[in-house]
Amino acid sequence: MTRRLLAVAALLVSLAPSVRAQTSFQLDETTIANVHAAIRAGTLTCHALVQAYLRRIDAYDKQGPAINAITVVNPDALATADSLDRRYAATRAFVGPLHCVPMIVKDNFQTIGLQTAAGNLALKGYTPAKDAFQVGRIKEAGAIVLAKSNMAEFAFSPYETVNSVLPGYTKNPYALDRVTAGSSGGTAAAVAADLGEVGLGTDTGNSIRGPSSHQALVGIRSTMGLTSRAGIAPLSLFADIAGPMARTVADAATVLQVVAGYDPDDPVTEAVKGKATPDYSASLVAGGLKGARIGVLRQAFESPTVDPEVRAVFNRAIDDLRKAGATVLDTVMITQLDSIRRSGRGGCNPFKYEFNAWLAQQGDRVPVKSLDSIVRSGRYHPSIQARLEAAARVEQVPDSIPGCQSRQRVRDGLRSVVTQTMDRLQLDAVIYPTWSNPPRLIGDLNTPAGDNSQVFSPTTGMPAITVPMGYTRNNTLPAGLQMLGRAFDEPRLIKLAYGYEQATKWRKEPATTPPVK
């Protein structure tokens, strides 16, 4: 009896800081390292941290500024937090590198017990029996899936976050009348507004990097083959990648460390089978830009519609890179770019084949069995009707479509010439604005989109990181600097991004979501 009372007393002591933590711990703009330091110091419990984030979701997602970034909140989040608190009280050890990290996960990641609808009304309410590979990895590392986030329906749109499963647009917390970009706009808005610690998004053309740029975040599109897409509703496996979106380079690198690696359920990761994942934390060093050689890839963004304020912010970023010790070559040309792109002939639309294969993997639990049945149901947002119907008309296996075969040749050719150019000039990375125009007004599809992410990183399969580089429009609308590196050279790219981040520290909290009183 005495031992039992002592155990209960110890548990109460361990949980006592939870009340203090809600007032003493600075939740806004916190980092994984901050959270772990506070837990070790006994000034924060996992329960208190999760409760504080839930309070912010309640205050800001559907009320107040009504960011509209969250589709479902995990009803078991506090119970999971309590189990982590009990474990830590007993062992004084963390489960893993993401111990008690409340995470926001995009709606197209299979997540046990939580809706996975890819933004589509016909899939509303579907809860998978198996986690996506990356979701399983973050859970094993101690993370808590706090909520699922809104997305552009089926990840179709790179420009806005709207769908049929959740009414209304997701708003940019830096300016509530502006878009979040797409399709991972819900994850970006939630992380930017401090509704979660870090997030997971997917990127086929720009959908990690564009929303990260629009919301002053760090987003990593890793090398094709470094991370698994298994358990994620696909858009196009030619280019789909999933990965971290965070407020700092260090947090993004921590998540990448957890989710990278071989998965037998995704053949693309054969490239890393049997290989150790690099220690990305070793890249988080002061002065990471000293001695670096970086080239400005103007072909990625120069056009008559480039916004002059974005150009000015980018030019300042070049100056900052030089001040931090980098050599920056003003203009790097991929001379074969146009001829390689012209060699691609014919269309390639693998969506129906790949999405139907994903539906089949869900078994009897999924409410619809085919893309055709979704089209017939009419349960989708009107804005995607033409694209959805066009995809439904494609019956061939992607590998048999001449246009898809041509696309693969373009990918191989472009990767080769970009790498050769970087080798010839001895470059560590090339850079360009992630988006060459400010975030558009919600509902505006006429002004220049400014998306610079659809060519080099998806097509080459090489990694790219976006990091905040400042703001336009009276210092209110975020802009991002994109760094593209060689295949599987994430350590160097993270080192450069961290060096720039630490030299400039552009990230700031949006004014629409201040600390909750």
Protein backbone atom coordinates (compact mmCIF):
# COMPACT_ATOMS: atom_id res chain seq x y z
CA MET A 1 0.00 0.00 0.00
CA THR A 2 2.83 2.37 0.89
CA ARG A 3 4.57 1.72 -2.42
CA ARG A 4 1.34 2.43 -4.29
CA LEU A 5 0.85 5.74 -2.49
CA LEU A 6 4.44 6.70 -3.19
CA ALA A 7 3.95 5.91 -6.87
CA VAL A 8 0.80 8.03 -7.03
CA ALA A 9 2.58 10.87 -5.24
CA ALA A 10 5.47 10.70 -7.66
CA LEU A 11 3.08 10.85 -10.60
CA LEU A 12 1.31 13.88 -9.16
CA VAL A 13 4.63 15.63 -8.63
CA SER A 14 5.65 14.87 -12.19
CA LEU A 15 2.41 16.32 -13.52
CA ALA A 16 2.34 19.34 -11.20
CA PRO A 17 4.23 21.64 -13.60
CA SER A 18 1.41 21.29 -16.11
CA VAL A 19 -0.54 24.12 -14.52
CA ARG A 20 2.49 26.40 -14.31
CA ALA A 21 3.58 25.47 -17.84
CA GLN A 22 0.53 27.00 -19.46
CA THR A 23 1.62 30.41 -18.18
CA SER A 24 5.41 30.11 -17.84
CA PHE A 25 6.34 28.24 -21.03
CA GLN A 26 6.57 30.45 -24.10
CA LEU A 27 4.55 28.42 -26.58
CA ASP A 28 4.58 30.89 -29.45
CA GLU A 29 7.44 30.36 -31.91
CA THR A 30 8.88 27.62 -29.73
CA THR A 31 11.14 24.89 -31.10
CA ILE A 32 11.60 21.19 -30.51
CA ALA A 33 14.77 21.99 -28.56
CA ASN A 34 12.83 24.47 -26.37
CA VAL A 35 10.18 21.86 -25.61
CA HIS A 36 12.69 19.18 -24.72
CA ALA A 37 14.72 21.52 -22.53
CA ALA A 38 11.60 22.55 -20.61
CA ILE A 39 10.49 18.95 -20.08
CA ARG A 40 13.95 18.00 -18.80
CA ALA A 41 13.93 21.04 -16.48
CA GLY A 42 10.56 19.99 -15.06
CA THR A 43 8.84 23.21 -16.09
CA LEU A 44 6.69 21.61 -18.80
CA THR A 45 4.69 18.43 -19.20
CA CYS A 46 3.53 16.91 -22.43
CA HIS A 47 -0.06 17.28 -21.23
CA ALA A 48 0.39 21.02 -20.71
CA LEU A 49 2.04 21.48 -24.10
CA VAL A 50 -0.71 19.66 -25.97
CA GLN A 51 -3.40 21.47 -23.98
CA ALA A 52 -1.83 24.82 -24.88
CA TYR A 53 -1.81 23.98 -28.58
CA LEU A 54 -5.41 22.81 -28.38
CA ARG A 55 -6.32 26.15 -26.81
CA ARG A 56 -4.71 27.96 -29.72
CA ILE A 57 -6.55 25.78 -32.25
CA ASP A 58 -9.80 26.52 -30.45
CA ALA A 59 -9.07 30.25 -30.38
CA TYR A 60 -7.80 30.75 -33.91
CA ASP A 61 -8.75 28.03 -36.36
CA LYS A 62 -12.53 28.31 -36.59
CA GLN A 63 -12.91 31.36 -34.34
CA GLY A 64 -11.13 34.71 -34.24
CA PRO A 65 -9.17 35.03 -37.49
CA ALA A 66 -10.68 31.68 -38.55
CA ILE A 67 -7.56 30.40 -40.28
CA ASN A 68 -9.47 27.24 -41.29
CA ALA A 69 -6.33 25.08 -41.44
CA ILE A 70 -7.54 22.09 -39.41
CA THR A 71 -9.86 19.34 -40.67
CA VAL A 72 -9.92 17.15 -37.54
CA VAL A 73 -8.31 17.35 -34.11
CA ASN A 74 -7.03 14.11 -32.60
CA PRO A 75 -9.41 13.26 -29.71
CA ASP A 76 -6.71 11.05 -28.17
CA ALA A 77 -3.97 13.70 -28.18
CA LEU A 78 -4.17 14.42 -24.45
CA ALA A 79 -4.32 10.73 -23.58
CA THR A 80 -1.20 10.13 -25.65
CA ALA A 81 0.47 13.08 -23.93
CA ASP A 82 -0.40 11.61 -20.53
CA SER A 83 1.14 8.28 -21.49
CA LEU A 84 4.34 10.05 -22.53
CA ASP A 85 4.39 11.94 -19.23
CA ARG A 86 4.02 8.70 -17.28
CA ARG A 87 6.79 7.08 -19.27
CA TYR A 88 9.12 10.01 -18.78
CA ALA A 89 8.38 10.15 -15.04
CA ALA A 90 9.29 6.47 -14.77
CA THR A 91 12.38 6.41 -16.99
CA ARG A 92 13.59 10.03 -17.26
CA ALA A 93 14.19 9.24 -20.93
CA PHE A 94 12.56 10.42 -24.13
CA VAL A 95 10.86 7.96 -26.48
CA GLY A 96 12.81 9.43 -29.38
CA PRO A 97 13.89 12.67 -31.06
CA LEU A 98 10.27 13.82 -31.47
CA HIS A 99 9.21 13.06 -27.90
CA CYS A 100 6.04 15.04 -27.18
CA VAL A 101 6.19 17.05 -30.40
CA PRO A 102 2.60 17.95 -31.40
CA MET A 103 2.50 17.64 -35.19
CA ILE A 104 0.14 18.76 -37.92
CA VAL A 105 -0.31 16.14 -40.66
CA LYS A 106 -1.79 16.82 -44.08
CA ASP A 107 -5.14 15.22 -44.92
CA ASN A 108 -3.66 12.88 -47.56
CA PHE A 109 -1.47 10.93 -45.08
CA GLN A 110 -3.08 7.73 -43.81
CA THR A 111 -3.44 8.17 -40.06
CA ILE A 112 -4.99 5.46 -37.88
CA GLY A 113 -8.25 6.64 -36.35
CA LEU A 114 -8.21 10.06 -38.03
CA GLN A 115 -9.95 11.16 -41.20
CA THR A 116 -7.88 10.77 -44.35
CA ALA A 117 -9.92 12.27 -47.18
CA ALA A 118 -7.39 14.06 -49.43
CA GLY A 119 -9.79 16.99 -49.29
CA ASN A 120 -12.57 15.06 -51.05
CA LEU A 121 -16.17 14.93 -49.85
CA ALA A 122 -16.69 11.38 -51.12
CA LEU A 123 -13.94 10.25 -48.71
CA LYS A 124 -15.13 12.32 -45.76
CA GLY A 125 -15.04 10.31 -42.54
CA TYR A 126 -12.72 7.61 -43.86
CA THR A 127 -10.31 6.46 -41.14
CA PRO A 128 -7.50 4.08 -42.22
CA ALA A 129 -6.41 0.98 -40.34
CA LYS A 130 -2.74 1.61 -41.16
CA ASP A 131 -0.50 4.65 -40.83
CA ALA A 132 1.47 6.08 -43.73
CA PHE A 133 5.16 5.18 -43.42
CA GLN A 134 6.12 8.70 -42.36
CA VAL A 135 3.26 8.94 -39.85
CA GLY A 136 4.37 5.66 -38.33
CA ARG A 137 7.95 6.95 -38.15
CA ILE A 138 7.05 10.16 -36.31
CA LYS A 139 4.89 8.25 -33.84
CA GLU A 140 7.71 5.81 -33.13
CA ALA A 141 9.95 8.83 -32.48
CA GLY A 142 7.51 10.10 -29.84
CA ALA A 143 5.49 12.66 -31.80
CA ILE A 144 1.79 13.22 -31.27
CA VAL A 145 -0.42 13.70 -34.33
CA LEU A 146 -2.29 16.67 -32.93
CA ALA A 147 -4.49 17.33 -35.96
CA LYS A 148 -4.96 16.71 -39.66
CA SER A 149 -4.70 19.75 -41.93
CA ASN A 150 -6.65 21.12 -44.83
CA MET A 151 -5.35 20.79 -48.40
CA ALA A 152 -6.18 21.56 -51.99
CA GLU A 153 -8.50 18.76 -53.09
CA PHE A 154 -6.49 15.74 -54.31
CA ALA A 155 -3.47 18.10 -54.14
CA PHE A 156 -4.47 19.46 -57.55
CA SER A 157 -3.93 23.19 -56.96
CA PRO A 158 -0.57 24.81 -56.22
CA TYR A 159 -2.24 28.18 -55.81
CA GLU A 160 -4.93 27.96 -53.12
CA THR A 161 -6.20 25.68 -50.36
CA VAL A 162 -9.86 24.89 -50.94
CA ASN A 163 -11.78 21.62 -51.29
CA SER A 164 -15.13 19.92 -50.83
CA VAL A 165 -14.55 18.27 -47.45
CA LEU A 166 -14.09 21.48 -45.42
CA PRO A 167 -16.10 24.60 -46.30
CA GLY A 168 -14.17 27.74 -47.15
CA TYR A 169 -10.56 28.61 -47.93
CA THR A 170 -7.62 28.22 -45.63
CA LYS A 171 -6.38 31.75 -44.91
CA ASN A 172 -2.85 33.07 -44.75
CA PRO A 173 -2.27 34.11 -41.12
CA TYR A 174 -0.01 36.96 -42.27
CA ALA A 175 -2.90 38.51 -44.21
CA LEU A 176 -6.31 36.91 -43.86
CA ASP A 177 -7.41 37.97 -47.35
CA ARG A 178 -4.46 36.15 -48.95
CA VAL A 179 -3.95 32.56 -50.10
CA THR A 180 -1.72 29.99 -48.46
CA ALA A 181 -0.65 28.58 -51.85
CA GLY A 182 -1.28 24.86 -52.32
CA SER A 183 -1.66 22.09 -51.75
CA SER A 184 -0.14 21.81 -48.25
CA GLY A 185 -1.55 25.19 -47.31
CA GLY A 186 -3.32 23.85 -44.23
CA THR A 187 -0.14 22.45 -42.73
CA ALA A 188 1.72 25.68 -43.50
CA ALA A 189 -0.94 27.96 -42.04
CA ALA A 190 -1.25 25.84 -38.90
CA VAL A 191 2.49 25.71 -38.24
CA ALA A 192 2.94 29.41 -39.05
CA ALA A 193 0.12 30.32 -36.65
CA ASP A 194 1.62 28.14 -33.88
CA LEU A 195 -1.26 25.65 -33.92
CA GLY A 196 1.31 22.84 -33.83
CA GLU A 197 5.05 22.45 -33.39
CA VAL A 198 5.95 21.18 -36.88
CA GLY A 199 4.11 19.58 -39.78
CA LEU A 200 4.15 17.12 -42.64
CA GLY A 201 3.22 18.12 -46.18
CA THR A 202 3.52 16.68 -49.67
CA ASP A 203 5.15 18.22 -52.71
CA THR A 204 4.54 17.14 -56.31
CA GLY A 205 5.28 20.46 -57.96
CA ASN A 206 5.63 22.97 -55.15
CA SER A 207 3.29 21.98 -52.36
CA ILE A 208 5.77 21.98 -49.48
CA ARG A 209 7.87 24.87 -50.70
CA GLY A 210 5.18 27.23 -51.99
CA PRO A 211 3.06 27.26 -48.82
CA SER A 212 6.23 27.46 -46.71
CA SER A 213 7.34 30.52 -48.67
CA HIS A 214 3.92 32.15 -48.30
CA GLN A 215 3.96 31.63 -44.52
CA ALA A 216 7.59 32.31 -43.57
CA LEU A 217 8.44 28.65 -42.96
CA VAL A 218 11.24 26.26 -43.77
CA GLY A 219 10.14 23.51 -46.14
CA ILE A 220 12.23 20.62 -47.41
CA ARG A 221 11.59 18.73 -50.61
CA SER A 222 14.13 15.95 -50.29
CA THR A 223 15.87 13.92 -53.00
CA MET A 224 13.57 11.53 -54.81
CA GLY A 225 14.22 8.19 -53.14
CA LEU A 226 15.28 9.48 -49.72
CA THR A 227 11.79 9.29 -48.20
CA SER A 228 8.81 6.98 -48.62
CA ARG A 229 5.40 7.96 -49.99
CA ALA A 230 3.71 4.70 -48.91
CA GLY A 231 0.33 5.34 -47.32
CA ILE A 232 -0.13 8.78 -48.90
CA ALA A 233 -2.91 9.38 -51.42
CA PRO A 234 -0.93 10.00 -54.62
CA LEU A 235 -1.09 12.77 -57.17
CA SER A 236 1.75 11.62 -59.43
CA LEU A 237 4.37 9.17 -58.25
CA PHE A 238 6.71 10.56 -60.91
CA ALA A 239 7.17 13.55 -58.60
CA ASP A 240 5.37 13.00 -55.25
CA ILE A 241 7.49 13.57 -52.16
CA ALA A 242 6.50 14.08 -48.52
CA GLY A 243 8.39 15.87 -45.81
CA PRO A 244 8.75 18.52 -43.13
CA MET A 245 7.42 22.05 -42.80
CA ALA A 246 8.70 23.96 -39.78
CA ARG A 247 9.42 27.35 -38.30
CA THR A 248 13.17 26.70 -38.16
CA VAL A 249 15.78 24.83 -40.17
CA ALA A 250 16.73 22.84 -37.07
CA ASP A 251 13.18 21.57 -36.55
CA ALA A 252 12.79 20.68 -40.23
CA ALA A 253 16.08 18.77 -40.12
CA THR A 254 14.97 16.89 -37.00
CA VAL A 255 11.79 15.71 -38.71
CA LEU A 256 13.67 14.78 -41.90
CA GLN A 257 16.05 12.68 -39.79
CA VAL A 258 13.08 10.66 -38.54
CA VAL A 259 11.19 10.16 -41.80
CA ALA A 260 14.12 9.49 -44.16
CA GLY A 261 15.12 5.96 -45.06
CA TYR A 262 14.27 2.76 -46.86
CA ASP A 263 10.73 1.42 -47.01
CA PRO A 264 10.01 -1.87 -48.82
CA ASP A 265 6.51 -0.57 -49.61
CA ASP A 266 7.91 2.24 -51.78
CA PRO A 267 10.33 0.97 -54.45
CA VAL A 268 11.74 4.45 -55.04
CA THR A 269 13.58 4.17 -51.71
CA GLU A 270 15.71 1.31 -53.04
CA ALA A 271 18.22 4.12 -53.62
CA VAL A 272 18.92 4.25 -49.86
CA LYS A 273 18.47 0.59 -48.95
CA GLY A 274 21.26 -0.54 -46.66
CA LYS A 275 22.61 3.01 -46.30
CA ALA A 276 22.76 4.94 -43.05
CA THR A 277 20.87 8.22 -42.99
CA PRO A 278 23.30 11.12 -42.49
CA ASP A 279 23.23 12.98 -39.18
CA TYR A 280 21.50 16.15 -40.30
CA SER A 281 22.05 17.82 -36.92
CA ALA A 282 25.76 17.92 -37.77
CA SER A 283 24.87 20.46 -40.48
CA LEU A 284 23.44 22.92 -37.96
CA VAL A 285 26.70 24.78 -37.47
CA ALA A 286 27.49 28.45 -37.09
CA GLY A 287 29.01 30.09 -40.14
CA GLY A 288 27.69 27.46 -42.52
CA LEU A 289 27.93 29.83 -45.49
CA LYS A 290 31.65 30.56 -45.14
CA GLY A 291 33.48 29.35 -48.21
CA ALA A 292 30.30 28.19 -49.96
CA ARG A 293 29.86 28.71 -53.71
CA ILE A 294 26.30 29.50 -54.76
CA GLY A 295 24.87 30.33 -58.17
CA VAL A 296 21.82 32.44 -59.02
CA LEU A 297 19.58 30.39 -61.32
CA ARG A 298 17.72 33.19 -63.08
CA GLN A 299 16.08 30.78 -65.53
CA ALA A 300 13.96 29.60 -62.61
CA PHE A 301 12.25 32.92 -62.01
CA GLU A 302 13.04 35.75 -64.40
CA SER A 303 10.01 36.80 -66.42
CA PRO A 304 8.13 40.03 -67.18
CA THR A 305 5.73 39.33 -64.29
CA VAL A 306 8.31 39.13 -61.48
CA ASP A 307 7.18 41.43 -58.70
CA PRO A 308 9.71 44.24 -58.12
CA GLU A 309 9.44 43.92 -54.34
CA VAL A 310 10.21 40.20 -54.49
CA ARG A 311 13.18 40.93 -56.74
CA ALA A 312 14.42 43.52 -54.26
CA VAL A 313 14.07 41.11 -51.34
CA PHE A 314 15.92 38.43 -53.34
CA ASN A 315 18.74 40.84 -54.24
CA ARG A 316 19.10 41.68 -50.55
CA ALA A 317 19.27 37.94 -49.83
CA ILE A 318 22.16 37.66 -52.28
CA ASP A 319 23.94 40.46 -50.43
CA ASP A 320 23.29 38.71 -47.11
CA LEU A 321 24.72 35.45 -48.43
CA ARG A 322 27.89 37.27 -49.45
CA LYS A 323 28.14 39.06 -46.11
CA ALA A 324 27.89 35.66 -44.40
CA GLY A 325 30.90 34.39 -46.33
CA ALA A 326 29.50 32.81 -49.49
CA THR A 327 30.70 33.43 -53.01
CA VAL A 328 27.63 34.07 -55.15
CA LEU A 329 27.84 33.81 -58.95
CA ASP A 330 25.27 36.23 -60.26
CA THR A 331 23.95 34.22 -63.19
CA VAL A 332 24.17 30.47 -63.78
CA MET A 333 22.75 29.21 -67.05
CA ILE A 334 21.52 25.70 -67.82
CA THR A 335 22.19 26.09 -71.51
CA GLN A 336 20.40 22.89 -72.56
CA LEU A 337 17.24 23.66 -70.57
CA ASP A 338 15.00 24.67 -73.48
CA SER A 339 16.06 21.84 -75.76
CA ILE A 340 15.57 19.25 -73.02
CA ARG A 341 12.11 20.57 -72.18
CA ARG A 342 11.13 20.61 -75.86
CA SER A 343 12.12 16.95 -76.11
CA GLY A 344 9.24 16.04 -73.83
CA ARG A 345 6.29 15.11 -75.99
CA GLY A 346 2.80 13.93 -75.17
CA GLY A 347 0.70 14.03 -72.05
CA CYS A 348 1.24 12.05 -68.88
CA ASN A 349 -1.61 11.79 -66.41
CA PRO A 350 -1.07 8.87 -64.00
CA PHE A 351 -3.58 10.09 -61.40
CA LYS A 352 -6.43 7.66 -62.10
CA TYR A 353 -4.23 4.56 -62.15
CA GLU A 354 -2.27 5.51 -59.04
CA PHE A 355 -5.23 6.81 -57.04
CA ASN A 356 -7.27 3.70 -57.80
CA ALA A 357 -4.33 1.58 -56.64
CA TRP A 358 -4.26 3.54 -53.37
CA LEU A 359 -8.02 3.08 -52.92
CA ALA A 360 -7.62 -0.67 -53.47
CA GLN A 361 -4.99 -0.78 -50.72
CA GLN A 362 -7.54 0.61 -48.25
CA GLY A 363 -9.74 -2.49 -48.48
CA ASP A 364 -13.37 -2.49 -47.42
CA ARG A 365 -13.02 0.45 -45.03
CA VAL A 366 -12.90 3.07 -47.77
CA PRO A 367 -16.35 4.41 -48.81
CA VAL A 368 -15.54 4.60 -52.55
CA LYS A 369 -13.64 2.11 -54.68
CA SER A 370 -12.62 4.06 -57.78
CA LEU A 371 -12.05 7.50 -59.22
CA ASP A 372 -14.95 6.92 -61.61
CA SER A 373 -17.32 6.47 -58.68
CA ILE A 374 -16.13 9.78 -57.20
CA VAL A 375 -16.74 11.54 -60.52
CA ARG A 376 -20.22 10.02 -60.79
CA SER A 377 -21.07 11.01 -57.22
CA GLY A 378 -20.48 14.71 -57.88
CA ARG A 379 -18.98 14.94 -54.39
CA TYR A 380 -16.07 17.22 -55.19
CA HIS A 381 -15.39 20.94 -55.41
CA PRO A 382 -16.61 22.50 -58.69
CA SER A 383 -13.20 24.06 -59.30
CA ILE A 384 -11.61 20.66 -59.97
CA GLN A 385 -14.34 19.18 -62.18
CA ALA A 386 -12.55 19.61 -65.51
CA ARG A 387 -9.27 18.22 -64.20
CA LEU A 388 -10.98 15.34 -62.43
CA GLU A 389 -12.96 14.35 -65.51
CA ALA A 390 -9.85 14.57 -67.69
CA ALA A 391 -7.97 12.27 -65.30
CA ALA A 392 -10.87 9.80 -65.27
CA ARG A 393 -10.66 9.41 -69.05
CA VAL A 394 -7.09 8.06 -68.92
CA GLU A 395 -7.22 4.26 -68.82
CA GLN A 396 -3.59 3.29 -69.56
CA VAL A 397 -0.96 2.17 -67.12
CA PRO A 398 1.43 5.16 -66.75
CA ASP A 399 4.53 3.26 -67.84
CA SER A 400 2.82 2.41 -71.14
CA ILE A 401 1.96 6.02 -71.99
CA PRO A 402 4.46 7.56 -74.45
CA GLY A 403 4.17 10.94 -72.74
CA CYS A 404 5.13 9.40 -69.39
CA GLN A 405 8.10 7.66 -70.98
CA SER A 406 9.13 10.97 -72.50
CA ARG A 407 8.79 12.68 -69.13
CA GLN A 408 11.23 10.23 -67.60
CA ARG A 409 13.79 10.99 -70.31
CA VAL A 410 13.38 14.72 -69.63
CA ARG A 411 13.93 14.10 -65.92
CA ASP A 412 17.10 12.12 -66.50
CA GLY A 413 18.44 14.66 -68.99
CA LEU A 414 17.75 17.72 -66.86
CA ARG A 415 19.22 16.13 -63.72
CA SER A 416 22.37 15.33 -65.66
CA VAL A 417 22.91 18.81 -67.09
CA VAL A 418 22.11 20.62 -63.83
CA THR A 419 24.57 18.41 -61.97
CA GLN A 420 27.20 18.90 -64.66
CA THR A 421 26.76 22.67 -64.51
CA MET A 422 27.12 22.67 -60.73
CA ASP A 423 30.20 20.47 -60.95
CA ARG A 424 31.80 22.64 -63.63
CA LEU A 425 31.28 25.79 -61.59
CA GLN A 426 32.06 24.03 -58.30
CA LEU A 427 28.73 25.12 -56.82
CA ASP A 428 27.31 23.91 -53.53
CA ALA A 429 23.80 25.06 -54.50
CA VAL A 430 21.82 27.27 -56.83
CA ILE A 431 19.23 29.75 -55.60
CA TYR A 432 16.09 31.57 -56.74
CA PRO A 433 12.97 33.05 -55.13
CA THR A 434 10.56 30.28 -54.17
CA TRP A 435 7.71 32.45 -55.45
CA SER A 436 8.27 35.46 -57.68
CA ASN A 437 5.07 37.28 -56.63
CA PRO A 438 3.45 37.96 -53.26
CA PRO A 439 0.58 35.72 -52.10
CA ARG A 440 -2.51 36.47 -54.15
CA LEU A 441 -5.86 37.59 -52.79
CA ILE A 442 -8.18 34.68 -52.03
CA GLY A 443 -10.28 33.95 -55.10
CA ASP A 444 -7.92 35.78 -57.48
CA LEU A 445 -6.78 33.48 -60.26
CA ASN A 446 -5.90 36.24 -62.72
CA THR A 447 -2.87 38.09 -61.33
CA PRO A 448 0.53 36.42 -61.84
CA ALA A 449 0.88 33.25 -59.80
CA GLY A 450 4.64 33.50 -59.36
CA ASP A 451 5.28 29.78 -58.75
CA ASN A 452 8.96 29.02 -59.44
CA SER A 453 9.06 25.50 -58.04
CA GLN A 454 7.54 23.36 -60.78
CA VAL A 455 10.63 22.74 -62.92
CA PHE A 456 14.03 22.16 -61.38
CA SER A 457 13.43 20.24 -58.16
CA PRO A 458 10.51 18.03 -59.20
CA THR A 459 11.93 17.35 -62.65
CA THR A 460 15.50 16.60 -61.59
CA GLY A 461 14.56 14.76 -58.41
CA MET A 462 17.20 16.87 -56.65
CA PRO A 463 16.52 18.34 -53.19
CA ALA A 464 15.41 21.89 -52.48
CA ILE A 465 14.88 23.88 -49.30
CA THR A 466 12.95 27.12 -48.91
CA VAL A 467 13.78 29.46 -46.04
CA PRO A 468 12.28 32.88 -45.17
CA MET A 469 14.07 35.77 -46.88
CA GLY A 470 11.90 38.71 -45.82
CA TYR A 471 8.59 40.36 -46.56
CA THR A 472 6.90 42.51 -49.19
CA ARG A 473 3.91 44.89 -49.15
CA ASN A 474 4.87 47.06 -46.19
CA ASN A 475 6.73 44.23 -44.51
CA THR A 476 3.63 42.01 -44.22
CA LEU A 477 3.69 39.26 -46.88
CA PRO A 478 6.40 36.58 -46.58
CA ALA A 479 8.81 35.63 -49.34
CA GLY A 480 11.06 32.58 -49.51
CA LEU A 481 14.58 31.85 -50.75
CA GLN A 482 14.94 28.46 -52.43
CA MET A 483 18.20 26.50 -52.47
CA LEU A 484 18.61 23.57 -54.87
CA GLY A 485 21.37 21.02 -54.31
CA ARG A 486 22.77 17.80 -55.73
CA ALA A 487 20.96 14.51 -55.26
CA PHE A 488 21.32 13.14 -51.71
CA ASP A 489 23.30 16.21 -50.66
CA GLU A 490 20.79 17.25 -47.99
CA PRO A 491 23.54 17.71 -45.35
CA ARG A 492 25.19 20.48 -47.37
CA LEU A 493 21.86 22.07 -48.28
CA ILE A 494 20.75 22.12 -44.64
CA LYS A 495 24.10 23.66 -43.66
CA LEU A 496 23.63 26.48 -46.17
CA ALA A 497 20.00 27.09 -45.23
CA TYR A 498 20.86 27.12 -41.53
CA GLY A 499 23.70 29.55 -42.15
CA TYR A 500 21.40 31.92 -44.00
CA GLU A 501 18.62 31.59 -41.43
CA GLN A 502 20.95 32.35 -38.54
CA ALA A 503 22.52 35.30 -40.35
CA THR A 504 19.17 36.91 -41.16
CA LYS A 505 16.44 35.52 -38.82
CA TRP A 506 13.53 36.72 -40.93
CA ARG A 507 10.91 34.47 -39.35
CA LYS A 508 8.35 36.36 -37.25
CA GLU A 509 5.01 35.45 -35.73
CA PRO A 510 1.92 36.54 -37.69
CA ALA A 511 0.06 39.39 -36.02
CA THR A 512 -3.34 37.71 -36.42
CA THR A 513 -2.51 34.90 -33.96
CA PRO A 514 -0.84 36.43 -30.88
CA PRO A 515 -0.34 34.58 -27.57
CA VAL A 516 -3.62 33.30 -26.16
CA LYS A 517 -4.52 35.04 -22.91
